[in-house]
Amino acid sequence: MPALSLETTPRTSLGRKNKALRRSGLTPLHLYGPGGDPLILQAPSPIVRKLLVTAGKTTAVNIVVEGTDGEELSFVRDVAVHPVTGEIQHVDFLRIHADRKVQIPVEVSLIGEAPAIRGGAAQINHVTRSLTVLAFPLSVPSGIEADITGLEEVGDVLRVSDLILPDDVEAVNHPDDVVARAQKQREAEVFEIVGGEADEEGIEGEEGVEGEEGAEGEATTAEGESSSDDSA
């Protein structure tokens, strides 16, 4: 989807001074990544909150810095939230490039009704909840829908290879990874107790935005600042 836009200003408040900055209605921001210098920024908190709800971690954001030319394309990399108040403490953005593909986890949701569950004999076990995709930043989907209407009998499975992905979007997960399975009620309860089928299917856990891998075509490590009160 098209990139969103966030207008920012350079920030001079660092460390514990960020508390006063937040009290004044501004959220500390940090932009970093390949192809440019780290930028210490700030933006009005209400605008930042609204942006985060809309963008999540899969919609590109154009960072506009007051007093400079051009825009910096990015993904939301990390959001630090106060554990008690829920106030946003700090947001990190990872610089990306529109013409370079990125690897990024995308949420998988189940749609439709599986015939196997009719009569209460079976239950659908949602195994893969996050799919890592390879795509250009502006082509990353906000989510992937997995149609389970083909699960007609107990034991039927929906695999990554069965998913219908948008054009220019490629699944990084193994094609045989199970997305959903129709199981007997008792079996589904047991799998929930023991933690699912991660070992059996080799499912990898999700790990935030992996945009730095796609930015250079290889895995790279972007070192950012801490998002605590004492960070930039």
Protein backbone atom coordinates (compact mmCIF):
# COMPACT_ATOMS: atom_id res chain seq x y z
CA MET A 1 0.00 0.00 0.00
CA PRO A 2 1.15 3.63 -0.44
CA ALA A 3 3.52 4.97 2.20
CA LEU A 4 2.18 7.10 5.02
CA SER A 5 3.85 10.38 5.93
CA LEU A 6 5.11 11.73 9.25
CA GLU A 7 6.36 15.29 9.65
CA THR A 8 9.08 15.61 12.27
CA THR A 9 11.53 18.13 13.68
CA PRO A 10 15.13 17.60 14.87
CA ARG A 11 15.36 16.79 18.58
CA THR A 12 17.85 18.21 21.06
CA SER A 13 16.40 16.66 24.23
CA LEU A 14 18.28 13.49 25.14
CA GLY A 15 18.29 10.99 27.99
CA ARG A 16 16.13 11.95 30.98
CA LYS A 17 15.14 15.20 29.29
CA ASN A 18 12.85 13.06 27.12
CA LYS A 19 10.42 12.90 30.07
CA ALA A 20 9.87 16.64 29.84
CA LEU A 21 9.58 16.32 26.08
CA ARG A 22 6.76 13.80 26.42
CA ARG A 23 5.01 15.97 29.01
CA SER A 24 5.01 18.76 26.43
CA GLY A 25 3.14 16.53 23.99
CA LEU A 26 6.02 15.33 21.84
CA THR A 27 7.26 11.78 21.26
CA PRO A 28 11.01 11.05 20.86
CA LEU A 29 11.86 9.35 17.57
CA HIS A 30 14.96 7.75 16.13
CA LEU A 31 15.61 6.94 12.45
CA TYR A 32 18.53 4.71 11.54
CA GLY A 33 19.63 2.14 8.99
CA PRO A 34 21.74 1.64 5.86
CA GLY A 35 22.23 4.52 3.47
CA GLY A 36 22.26 7.46 5.86
CA ASP A 37 23.20 8.87 9.23
CA PRO A 38 21.02 8.23 12.30
CA LEU A 39 18.53 11.03 12.91
CA ILE A 40 17.28 12.13 16.35
CA LEU A 41 13.75 13.46 15.88
CA GLN A 42 10.45 14.29 17.54
CA ALA A 43 6.81 14.62 16.51
CA PRO A 44 3.47 15.46 18.19
CA SER A 45 2.33 12.49 20.27
CA PRO A 46 -1.29 12.35 18.98
CA ILE A 47 -0.04 12.21 15.40
CA VAL A 48 2.49 9.48 16.26
CA ARG A 49 -0.16 7.37 18.01
CA LYS A 50 -2.50 7.64 15.03
CA LEU A 51 0.31 6.73 12.64
CA LEU A 52 1.28 3.64 14.63
CA VAL A 53 -2.30 2.35 14.62
CA THR A 54 -2.52 2.75 10.85
CA ALA A 55 0.98 1.68 9.84
CA GLY A 56 1.75 -1.14 12.24
CA LYS A 57 5.06 -2.67 11.21
CA THR A 58 4.17 -3.52 7.62
CA THR A 59 3.28 -0.16 6.07
CA ALA A 60 6.10 2.09 4.90
CA VAL A 61 6.37 5.56 6.42
CA ASN A 62 7.94 8.60 4.76
CA ILE A 63 9.78 10.57 7.43
CA VAL A 64 9.78 14.27 6.57
CA VAL A 65 12.28 16.35 8.58
CA GLU A 66 11.64 20.07 8.94
CA GLY A 67 14.35 22.16 7.33
CA THR A 68 15.60 19.40 5.01
CA ASP A 69 14.83 18.36 1.45
CA GLY A 70 13.37 15.00 0.54
CA GLU A 71 11.92 12.17 2.58
CA GLU A 72 13.29 9.09 4.33
CA LEU A 73 11.37 5.87 3.63
CA SER A 74 11.16 3.64 6.69
CA PHE A 75 9.32 0.96 8.63
CA VAL A 76 8.39 1.16 12.30
CA ARG A 77 11.10 -0.95 13.95
CA ASP A 78 10.35 -0.73 17.66
CA VAL A 79 7.87 0.99 19.97
CA ALA A 80 8.66 1.46 23.66
CA VAL A 81 5.52 1.77 25.81
CA HIS A 82 5.27 2.65 29.51
CA PRO A 83 4.26 -0.57 31.34
CA VAL A 84 1.75 1.19 33.60
CA THR A 85 0.32 4.16 31.70
CA GLY A 86 0.61 2.72 28.18
CA GLU A 87 2.15 6.01 27.04
CA ILE A 88 4.44 5.75 24.03
CA GLN A 89 7.95 6.43 25.28
CA HIS A 90 10.00 6.21 22.10
CA VAL A 91 9.68 5.00 18.51
CA ASP A 92 12.47 3.65 16.31
CA PHE A 93 12.18 3.75 12.52
CA LEU A 94 14.35 1.64 10.23
CA ARG A 95 15.48 3.26 6.96
CA ILE A 96 14.63 1.27 3.83
CA HIS A 97 14.78 1.74 0.06
CA ALA A 98 11.78 1.55 -2.25
CA ASP A 99 13.68 -0.35 -4.95
CA ARG A 100 15.10 -3.05 -2.64
CA LYS A 101 13.08 -5.96 -1.35
CA VAL A 102 12.74 -6.55 2.37
CA GLN A 103 11.95 -9.60 4.48
CA ILE A 104 9.21 -8.85 6.95
CA PRO A 105 6.78 -10.89 9.09
CA VAL A 106 3.12 -10.44 8.22
CA GLU A 107 0.17 -11.60 10.32
CA VAL A 108 -1.84 -14.55 8.98
CA SER A 109 -5.58 -14.62 9.64
CA LEU A 110 -7.96 -17.50 8.92
CA ILE A 111 -11.06 -16.81 6.85
CA GLY A 112 -14.04 -18.95 5.92
CA GLU A 113 -15.60 -21.92 7.68
CA ALA A 114 -14.00 -25.35 7.57
CA PRO A 115 -16.53 -28.16 6.89
CA ALA A 116 -14.49 -30.38 9.23
CA ILE A 117 -15.74 -28.53 12.32
CA ARG A 118 -19.42 -29.09 11.59
CA GLY A 119 -21.01 -31.21 14.27
CA GLY A 120 -18.27 -30.37 16.77
CA ALA A 121 -16.05 -33.33 15.91
CA ALA A 122 -13.05 -31.20 14.94
CA GLN A 123 -11.34 -27.95 15.79
CA ILE A 124 -9.07 -25.80 13.62
CA ASN A 125 -5.56 -25.44 14.98
CA HIS A 126 -4.02 -22.18 13.71
CA VAL A 127 -0.36 -23.17 13.52
CA THR A 128 1.42 -20.43 11.53
CA ARG A 129 0.25 -17.01 12.71
CA SER A 130 3.04 -14.98 11.12
CA LEU A 131 4.41 -15.47 7.63
CA THR A 132 7.74 -13.97 6.57
CA VAL A 133 7.46 -12.48 3.11
CA LEU A 134 9.92 -11.00 0.63
CA ALA A 135 8.60 -7.93 -1.17
CA PHE A 136 9.32 -4.37 -2.17
CA PRO A 137 8.46 -2.02 0.73
CA LEU A 138 5.44 -0.49 -0.97
CA SER A 139 4.08 -3.95 -1.88
CA VAL A 140 4.17 -5.47 1.60
CA PRO A 141 0.62 -6.57 2.52
CA SER A 142 -0.83 -5.53 5.87
CA GLY A 143 -1.89 -9.15 6.40
CA ILE A 144 -2.33 -12.51 4.70
CA GLU A 145 -5.70 -14.28 4.58
CA ALA A 146 -5.70 -18.06 4.74
CA ASP A 147 -8.91 -19.66 3.41
CA ILE A 148 -9.79 -22.77 5.47
CA THR A 149 -12.92 -23.76 3.56
CA GLY A 150 -10.93 -26.59 1.98
CA LEU A 151 -10.42 -28.34 5.34
CA GLU A 152 -13.21 -30.89 4.93
CA GLU A 153 -12.10 -33.75 7.16
CA VAL A 154 -10.14 -34.33 10.35
CA GLY A 155 -6.46 -34.40 9.44
CA ASP A 156 -6.72 -32.01 6.48
CA VAL A 157 -4.07 -29.29 6.45
CA LEU A 158 -3.55 -25.92 4.81
CA ARG A 159 0.11 -25.27 3.98
CA VAL A 160 2.10 -22.19 3.05
CA SER A 161 2.13 -23.40 -0.56
CA ASP A 162 -1.69 -23.22 -0.56
CA LEU A 163 -1.80 -19.52 0.28
CA ILE A 164 -2.70 -17.00 -2.38
CA LEU A 165 -0.24 -14.12 -2.11
CA PRO A 166 -0.34 -10.72 -3.84
CA ASP A 167 1.77 -10.12 -6.93
CA ASP A 168 5.45 -9.44 -6.21
CA VAL A 169 5.13 -11.00 -2.74
CA GLU A 170 7.00 -14.23 -2.00
CA ALA A 171 6.76 -16.43 1.09
CA VAL A 172 10.08 -17.09 2.80
CA ASN A 173 8.69 -19.87 5.01
CA HIS A 174 9.06 -23.44 3.75
CA PRO A 175 6.19 -24.33 1.36
CA ASP A 176 5.29 -27.37 3.47
CA ASP A 177 4.90 -25.43 6.72
CA VAL A 178 1.41 -25.96 8.11
CA VAL A 179 -0.75 -22.86 8.42
CA ALA A 180 -3.85 -24.58 9.80
CA ARG A 181 -4.95 -28.13 10.56
CA ALA A 182 -8.31 -29.76 11.26
CA GLN A 183 -7.90 -31.88 14.40
CA LYS A 184 -10.13 -33.84 16.70
CA GLN A 185 -11.22 -31.74 19.65
CA ARG A 186 -9.13 -33.68 22.14
CA GLU A 187 -6.00 -33.53 19.94
CA ALA A 188 -6.33 -29.76 19.55
CA GLU A 189 -6.56 -29.32 23.32
CA VAL A 190 -3.40 -31.40 23.82
CA PHE A 191 -1.47 -29.36 21.24
CA GLU A 192 -2.48 -26.14 23.01
CA ILE A 193 -1.21 -27.51 26.33
CA VAL A 194 2.18 -28.61 24.99
CA GLY A 195 2.72 -25.46 22.95
CA GLY A 196 1.59 -26.34 19.44
CA GLU A 197 3.48 -27.94 16.58
CA ALA A 198 6.52 -25.71 16.31
CA ASP A 199 8.97 -28.62 16.60
CA GLU A 200 7.11 -30.85 14.18
CA GLU A 201 6.76 -28.24 11.48
CA GLY A 202 9.95 -26.26 12.11
CA ILE A 203 8.05 -23.02 12.49
CA GLU A 204 10.19 -20.01 13.28
CA GLY A 205 9.07 -17.41 15.80
CA GLU A 206 8.40 -13.86 14.63
CA GLU A 207 11.05 -11.26 15.30
CA GLY A 208 9.81 -7.80 14.38
CA VAL A 209 10.60 -6.07 11.11
CA GLU A 210 13.52 -7.51 9.23
CA GLY A 211 13.83 -4.60 6.84
CA GLU A 212 17.60 -4.34 7.29
CA GLU A 213 18.02 -7.68 5.55
CA GLY A 214 16.26 -6.56 2.39
CA ALA A 215 17.84 -3.10 2.41
CA GLU A 216 21.20 -4.50 1.37
CA GLY A 217 20.04 -7.77 -0.17
CA GLU A 218 21.76 -9.60 2.70
CA ALA A 219 21.27 -9.83 6.42
CA THR A 220 22.73 -6.78 8.11
CA THR A 221 22.62 -5.53 11.66
CA ALA A 222 21.34 -2.06 12.37
CA GLU A 223 22.44 -0.78 15.74
CA GLY A 224 19.99 1.63 17.31
CA GLU A 225 19.69 3.42 20.61
CA SER A 226 17.96 2.08 23.65
CA SER A 227 14.29 3.03 23.86
CA SER A 228 14.29 3.57 27.60
CA ASP A 229 13.87 6.87 29.36
CA ASP A 230 17.63 7.30 29.32
CA SER A 231 17.92 6.75 25.56
CA ALA A 232 18.11 9.36 22.85
